[in-house]
Amino acid sequence: MKTKTICVVGTLLAWIASPAGAAEKSKQAAYQSNKAVIVVTGMRLNEDPANYRKDLSVAEGAVVKVTARGGAARERKTEAFSRAGQRGGQSGQVHFTADFEVDLDATYEITMTFKDGTAICIEDYRLPKDWKTHFYFHSTTGTLSPASVLRIGEDATTKLRCHVYAVYPLESYHKLGGRQVR
């Protein structure tokens, strides 16, 4: 009887632990990937404290081109993106983004062309493989984050800005509401 009880308890414990073990293995597998997602968006900021304004609508209809060094170019128009429940009271803001899957350790040129013809180019964009851990421990706001603003380009005349965010792993991109990259 004692042997049967031990076997039943052992089997039950293994059954209970297996979903947790599978989830942990799945998480570890996600962080083995050498692919990240970049999210490119545009805006115009007036950073004068007396009249601070952020105009996200300027990125609507913009075209983003991502070119790998020595490789093919990919191009996409921005699409509306809104994430309910964002921190900082920004819930419901509509950003216009173009999202691309990129390889870690590869170098890219990113060009965002706004509807008015203004083009902002960010050269030599690269996410080193060792930056994977940055997405675990990024804590500039005191919280863990799967995303970071890594590059900003600005046109001095129009004050238009291009922001490039990186998200890793792909699972985090989907959890944040990303839909353009599958």
Protein backbone atom coordinates (compact mmCIF):
# COMPACT_ATOMS: atom_id res chain seq x y z
CA MET A 1 0.00 0.00 0.00
CA LYS A 2 2.83 2.38 0.90
CA THR A 3 4.50 1.79 -2.49
CA LYS A 4 1.20 2.47 -4.33
CA THR A 5 0.72 5.72 -2.40
CA ILE A 6 4.26 6.85 -3.19
CA CYS A 7 3.77 6.05 -6.90
CA VAL A 8 0.42 7.89 -7.03
CA VAL A 9 1.85 10.94 -5.21
CA GLY A 10 4.93 10.91 -7.45
CA THR A 11 2.80 10.74 -10.59
CA LEU A 12 0.51 13.50 -9.31
CA LEU A 13 3.48 15.77 -8.52
CA ALA A 14 4.99 15.13 -11.95
CA TRP A 15 1.65 15.94 -13.60
CA ILE A 16 1.28 19.18 -11.61
CA ALA A 17 4.86 20.25 -12.31
CA SER A 18 4.80 19.47 -16.04
CA PRO A 19 2.75 22.52 -17.16
CA ALA A 20 5.05 24.80 -15.15
CA GLY A 21 8.09 23.04 -16.56
CA ALA A 22 6.72 23.29 -20.09
CA ALA A 23 6.00 27.00 -19.63
CA GLU A 24 9.54 27.59 -18.35
CA LYS A 25 11.00 25.66 -21.31
CA SER A 26 8.82 27.69 -23.68
CA LYS A 27 10.07 30.94 -22.09
CA GLN A 28 13.68 29.80 -22.34
CA ALA A 29 13.16 28.81 -25.99
CA ALA A 30 11.71 32.26 -26.75
CA TYR A 31 14.87 33.89 -25.42
CA GLN A 32 17.08 31.64 -27.56
CA SER A 33 15.85 33.37 -30.71
CA ASN A 34 18.17 35.78 -32.49
CA LYS A 35 15.28 37.76 -33.95
CA ALA A 36 13.78 40.97 -32.56
CA VAL A 37 11.06 43.32 -33.76
CA ILE A 38 11.66 46.97 -34.45
CA VAL A 39 8.73 49.33 -34.24
CA VAL A 40 9.21 52.57 -36.17
CA THR A 41 6.97 55.55 -35.46
CA GLY A 42 7.02 59.27 -36.01
CA MET A 43 5.89 62.38 -34.21
CA ARG A 44 6.37 66.10 -33.83
CA LEU A 45 7.14 67.33 -30.33
CA ASN A 46 6.96 70.80 -28.87
CA GLU A 47 8.97 70.37 -25.69
CA ASP A 48 8.44 73.89 -24.41
CA PRO A 49 7.09 73.31 -20.87
CA ALA A 50 4.61 76.16 -21.28
CA ASN A 51 3.15 74.62 -24.43
CA TYR A 52 4.14 70.93 -24.48
CA ARG A 53 2.47 69.05 -27.33
CA LYS A 54 3.01 65.70 -29.00
CA ASP A 55 1.50 65.24 -32.46
CA LEU A 56 1.41 61.55 -33.38
CA SER A 57 -0.80 62.04 -36.44
CA VAL A 58 2.15 63.22 -38.56
CA ALA A 59 3.23 59.56 -38.93
CA GLU A 60 -0.06 58.53 -40.52
CA GLY A 61 0.59 57.32 -44.06
CA ALA A 62 4.38 57.49 -43.68
CA VAL A 63 6.48 54.90 -45.48
CA VAL A 64 9.25 53.10 -43.63
CA LYS A 65 12.03 51.31 -45.45
CA VAL A 66 14.40 48.93 -43.66
CA THR A 67 17.48 47.84 -45.56
CA ALA A 68 19.91 45.23 -44.28
CA ARG A 69 23.55 45.94 -45.03
CA GLY A 70 24.28 43.99 -48.19
CA GLY A 71 20.72 42.68 -48.24
CA ALA A 72 17.23 43.31 -49.45
CA ALA A 73 15.06 46.27 -48.56
CA ARG A 74 11.62 45.90 -47.00
CA GLU A 75 9.05 48.68 -47.08
CA ARG A 76 5.77 49.19 -45.26
CA LYS A 77 3.28 51.99 -44.66
CA THR A 78 2.50 52.87 -41.08
CA GLU A 79 -0.63 51.45 -39.50
CA ALA A 80 -2.64 52.72 -36.54
CA PHE A 81 -1.73 51.18 -33.19
CA SER A 82 -3.30 51.88 -29.82
CA ARG A 83 -2.62 50.07 -26.61
CA ALA A 84 -5.23 50.52 -23.90
CA GLY A 85 -3.93 50.79 -20.37
CA GLN A 86 -0.53 52.32 -21.13
CA ARG A 87 1.35 53.81 -18.21
CA GLY A 88 1.58 57.55 -17.80
CA GLY A 89 -2.03 58.26 -18.70
CA GLN A 90 -1.42 57.63 -22.39
CA SER A 91 -4.17 55.08 -22.73
CA GLY A 92 -5.85 55.15 -26.09
CA GLN A 93 -3.26 57.31 -27.89
CA VAL A 94 -3.02 56.31 -31.53
CA HIS A 95 0.50 55.82 -32.83
CA PHE A 96 1.22 55.07 -36.47
CA THR A 97 3.89 52.37 -36.71
CA ALA A 98 5.63 50.13 -39.19
CA ASP A 99 7.01 46.97 -37.58
CA PHE A 100 9.75 44.69 -38.91
CA GLU A 101 11.41 41.51 -37.73
CA VAL A 102 15.20 41.94 -37.69
CA ASP A 103 18.19 39.75 -36.93
CA LEU A 104 20.27 40.49 -33.87
CA ASP A 105 23.86 41.49 -34.75
CA ALA A 106 22.83 42.60 -38.27
CA THR A 107 23.17 46.23 -39.37
CA TYR A 108 20.27 48.12 -40.96
CA GLU A 109 19.45 51.49 -42.44
CA ILE A 110 15.99 52.74 -41.53
CA THR A 111 14.33 55.52 -43.49
CA MET A 112 10.97 57.04 -42.59
CA THR A 113 9.37 59.24 -45.26
CA PHE A 114 6.49 61.37 -43.99
CA LYS A 115 3.53 62.44 -46.15
CA ASP A 116 5.05 65.91 -46.59
CA GLY A 117 8.14 64.31 -48.19
CA THR A 118 10.44 64.75 -45.20
CA ALA A 119 12.74 61.72 -44.93
CA ILE A 120 14.64 60.83 -41.79
CA CYS A 121 17.37 58.23 -42.12
CA ILE A 122 18.85 56.28 -39.24
CA GLU A 123 22.04 54.60 -40.37
CA ASP A 124 23.96 51.74 -38.82
CA TYR A 125 21.09 50.48 -36.66
CA ARG A 126 22.20 47.30 -34.92
CA LEU A 127 20.98 45.26 -31.97
CA PRO A 128 23.85 43.20 -30.53
CA LYS A 129 23.00 39.65 -29.44
CA ASP A 130 24.19 40.40 -25.92
CA TRP A 131 21.43 43.01 -25.68
CA LYS A 132 18.94 40.17 -25.13
CA THR A 133 19.54 40.58 -21.42
CA HIS A 134 18.77 44.31 -21.68
CA PHE A 135 15.16 43.42 -22.34
CA TYR A 136 15.07 41.35 -19.15
CA PHE A 137 16.52 44.05 -16.93
CA HIS A 138 15.74 47.41 -18.57
CA SER A 139 14.65 49.48 -15.61
CA THR A 140 14.80 53.18 -16.44
CA THR A 141 11.27 53.54 -15.05
CA GLY A 142 11.80 51.11 -12.21
CA THR A 143 9.98 48.28 -13.96
CA LEU A 144 11.00 45.44 -16.23
CA SER A 145 10.36 46.14 -19.89
CA PRO A 146 10.40 44.06 -23.07
CA ALA A 147 10.89 47.22 -25.18
CA SER A 148 13.32 50.12 -25.44
CA VAL A 149 13.61 53.29 -27.51
CA LEU A 150 16.96 52.77 -29.11
CA ARG A 151 17.31 55.48 -31.73
CA ILE A 152 15.71 58.83 -32.49
CA GLY A 153 16.25 60.86 -35.64
CA GLU A 154 14.96 64.40 -36.09
CA ASP A 155 14.65 66.75 -39.04
CA ALA A 156 15.85 70.16 -37.79
CA THR A 157 13.65 72.15 -40.20
CA THR A 158 10.28 70.42 -39.73
CA LYS A 159 10.92 69.13 -36.19
CA LEU A 160 9.58 65.75 -37.30
CA ARG A 161 11.02 62.81 -35.38
CA CYS A 162 11.48 59.15 -36.14
CA HIS A 163 11.62 56.83 -33.12
CA VAL A 164 12.84 53.24 -33.38
CA TYR A 165 11.82 50.87 -30.59
CA ALA A 166 13.07 47.32 -30.26
CA VAL A 167 11.04 44.49 -28.74
CA TYR A 168 12.39 41.09 -27.76
CA PRO A 169 11.37 38.30 -27.88
CA LEU A 170 8.60 38.06 -30.47
CA GLU A 171 6.27 36.77 -27.74
CA SER A 172 6.59 40.13 -25.93
CA TYR A 173 5.75 42.00 -29.14
CA HIS A 174 2.47 40.08 -29.39
CA LYS A 175 1.70 40.56 -25.69
CA LEU A 176 2.11 44.31 -26.16
CA GLY A 177 -0.46 44.19 -28.95
CA GLY A 178 1.78 44.05 -32.04
CA ARG A 179 -0.01 42.67 -35.09
CA GLN A 180 2.16 43.44 -38.13
CA VAL A 181 4.82 40.76 -37.54
CA ARG A 182 3.68 37.13 -37.29
